[in-house]
Amino acid sequence: MDDTSTLDRLGAGKYLLITSFRKNGTSVATPVWVVRDGDALGAWSVTDSWKVKRIRNRADVLVGPCDVRGNPTGDQVPGTAEILDQSATDVYRRLLARKYGVLG
């Protein structure tokens, strides 16, 4: 995903719907908080969550705007998810805390 306007729109939203895929190809959509960081979008989840496990097995995802319950509010677009190391994870957690006003 390299379209700047799409990144701007998704990064400015309150929630992002990440659709990842099980090994059998079944899609699973999950709403997450999102931040824009340069030419990427960032989200955070605990290391042993099912979405992280699915992304480790298959990095292609769909992303799009949604509400807090995960109901899509726009079209999803294809993307590639990446599991980051601890230092990069810390950066995204700080960005998320700044955007959403949480500590942690």
Protein backbone atom coordinates (compact mmCIF):
# COMPACT_ATOMS: atom_id res chain seq x y z
CA MET A 1 0.00 0.00 0.00
CA ASP A 2 1.79 3.13 -1.18
CA ASP A 3 -1.08 5.51 -1.91
CA THR A 4 -0.46 8.55 0.31
CA SER A 5 -4.11 9.61 0.47
CA THR A 6 -5.12 6.09 1.55
CA LEU A 7 -2.43 6.06 4.24
CA ASP A 8 -3.52 9.53 5.40
CA ARG A 9 -7.17 8.50 5.58
CA LEU A 10 -6.54 5.20 7.38
CA GLY A 11 -3.92 6.67 9.73
CA ALA A 12 -6.20 9.56 10.70
CA GLY A 13 -9.07 7.24 11.57
CA LYS A 14 -9.83 6.14 15.09
CA TYR A 15 -10.00 2.42 14.30
CA LEU A 16 -8.53 0.19 11.60
CA LEU A 17 -10.00 -3.14 10.57
CA ILE A 18 -7.20 -5.62 9.97
CA THR A 19 -8.30 -8.75 8.16
CA SER A 20 -5.75 -11.53 8.55
CA PHE A 21 -6.03 -15.11 7.36
CA ARG A 22 -5.96 -18.49 9.05
CA LYS A 23 -3.82 -21.27 7.59
CA ASN A 24 -6.92 -22.66 5.85
CA GLY A 25 -7.56 -19.27 4.19
CA THR A 26 -10.51 -18.20 6.35
CA SER A 27 -10.45 -14.45 6.95
CA VAL A 28 -10.65 -12.97 10.45
CA ALA A 29 -11.29 -9.24 10.87
CA THR A 30 -10.17 -7.41 14.02
CA PRO A 31 -10.52 -3.70 14.90
CA VAL A 32 -7.36 -2.04 16.28
CA TRP A 33 -6.08 1.43 17.11
CA VAL A 34 -3.89 2.81 14.34
CA VAL A 35 -1.19 5.44 13.78
CA ARG A 36 0.52 6.67 10.65
CA ASP A 37 4.32 6.53 10.65
CA GLY A 38 5.87 7.73 7.41
CA ASP A 39 4.87 5.33 4.65
CA ALA A 40 3.42 2.78 7.09
CA LEU A 41 0.50 2.28 9.43
CA GLY A 42 1.18 0.97 12.92
CA ALA A 43 -0.90 -1.02 15.37
CA TRP A 44 0.02 -2.94 18.49
CA SER A 45 -1.09 -6.27 19.91
CA VAL A 46 0.28 -8.68 22.49
CA THR A 47 2.80 -11.13 21.06
CA ASP A 48 0.73 -14.24 21.65
CA SER A 49 -2.57 -12.90 20.26
CA TRP A 50 -4.25 -14.89 17.51
CA LYS A 51 -3.92 -12.01 15.04
CA VAL A 52 -0.14 -11.96 15.55
CA LYS A 53 0.02 -15.73 15.12
CA ARG A 54 -1.98 -15.48 11.89
CA ILE A 55 0.25 -12.69 10.58
CA ARG A 56 3.39 -14.71 11.37
CA ASN A 57 2.01 -17.46 9.13
CA ARG A 58 0.69 -15.20 6.39
CA ALA A 59 1.65 -11.53 6.12
CA ASP A 60 -0.86 -10.44 3.49
CA VAL A 61 -3.78 -8.59 5.07
CA LEU A 62 -6.64 -6.31 4.18
CA VAL A 63 -7.02 -3.01 6.02
CA GLY A 64 -9.78 -0.44 6.09
CA PRO A 65 -11.65 1.97 8.33
CA CYS A 66 -14.13 0.65 10.87
CA ASP A 67 -15.98 1.51 14.04
CA VAL A 68 -15.10 0.30 17.54
CA ARG A 69 -17.01 -2.96 16.96
CA GLY A 70 -15.21 -3.76 13.74
CA ASN A 71 -18.05 -2.80 11.41
CA PRO A 72 -16.44 -1.57 8.18
CA THR A 73 -17.00 2.10 7.38
CA GLY A 74 -15.16 2.02 4.06
CA ASP A 75 -13.41 -0.25 1.61
CA GLN A 76 -10.55 -2.50 2.63
CA VAL A 77 -7.30 -2.42 0.68
CA PRO A 78 -4.54 -5.04 0.48
CA GLY A 79 -1.42 -4.61 2.57
CA THR A 80 1.48 -6.52 4.08
CA ALA A 81 1.79 -6.83 7.85
CA GLU A 82 5.13 -7.03 9.62
CA ILE A 83 5.94 -8.19 13.14
CA LEU A 84 8.49 -5.74 14.56
CA ASP A 85 11.28 -6.09 17.10
CA GLN A 86 10.92 -4.70 20.63
CA SER A 87 12.51 -1.30 19.96
CA ALA A 88 10.24 -0.62 16.97
CA THR A 89 7.26 -1.89 18.97
CA ASP A 90 8.07 0.61 21.72
CA VAL A 91 8.02 3.44 19.16
CA TYR A 92 4.56 2.45 17.94
CA ARG A 93 3.26 2.07 21.48
CA ARG A 94 4.40 5.64 22.23
CA LEU A 95 2.75 6.93 19.05
CA LEU A 96 -0.49 5.13 19.93
CA ALA A 97 -0.37 6.49 23.49
CA ARG A 98 0.08 10.02 22.15
CA LYS A 99 -2.81 9.69 19.68
CA TYR A 100 -5.25 8.00 22.04
CA GLY A 101 -4.20 9.61 25.31
CA VAL A 102 -3.29 6.44 27.15
CA LEU A 103 -0.26 5.52 29.20
CA GLY A 104 1.59 2.25 29.13
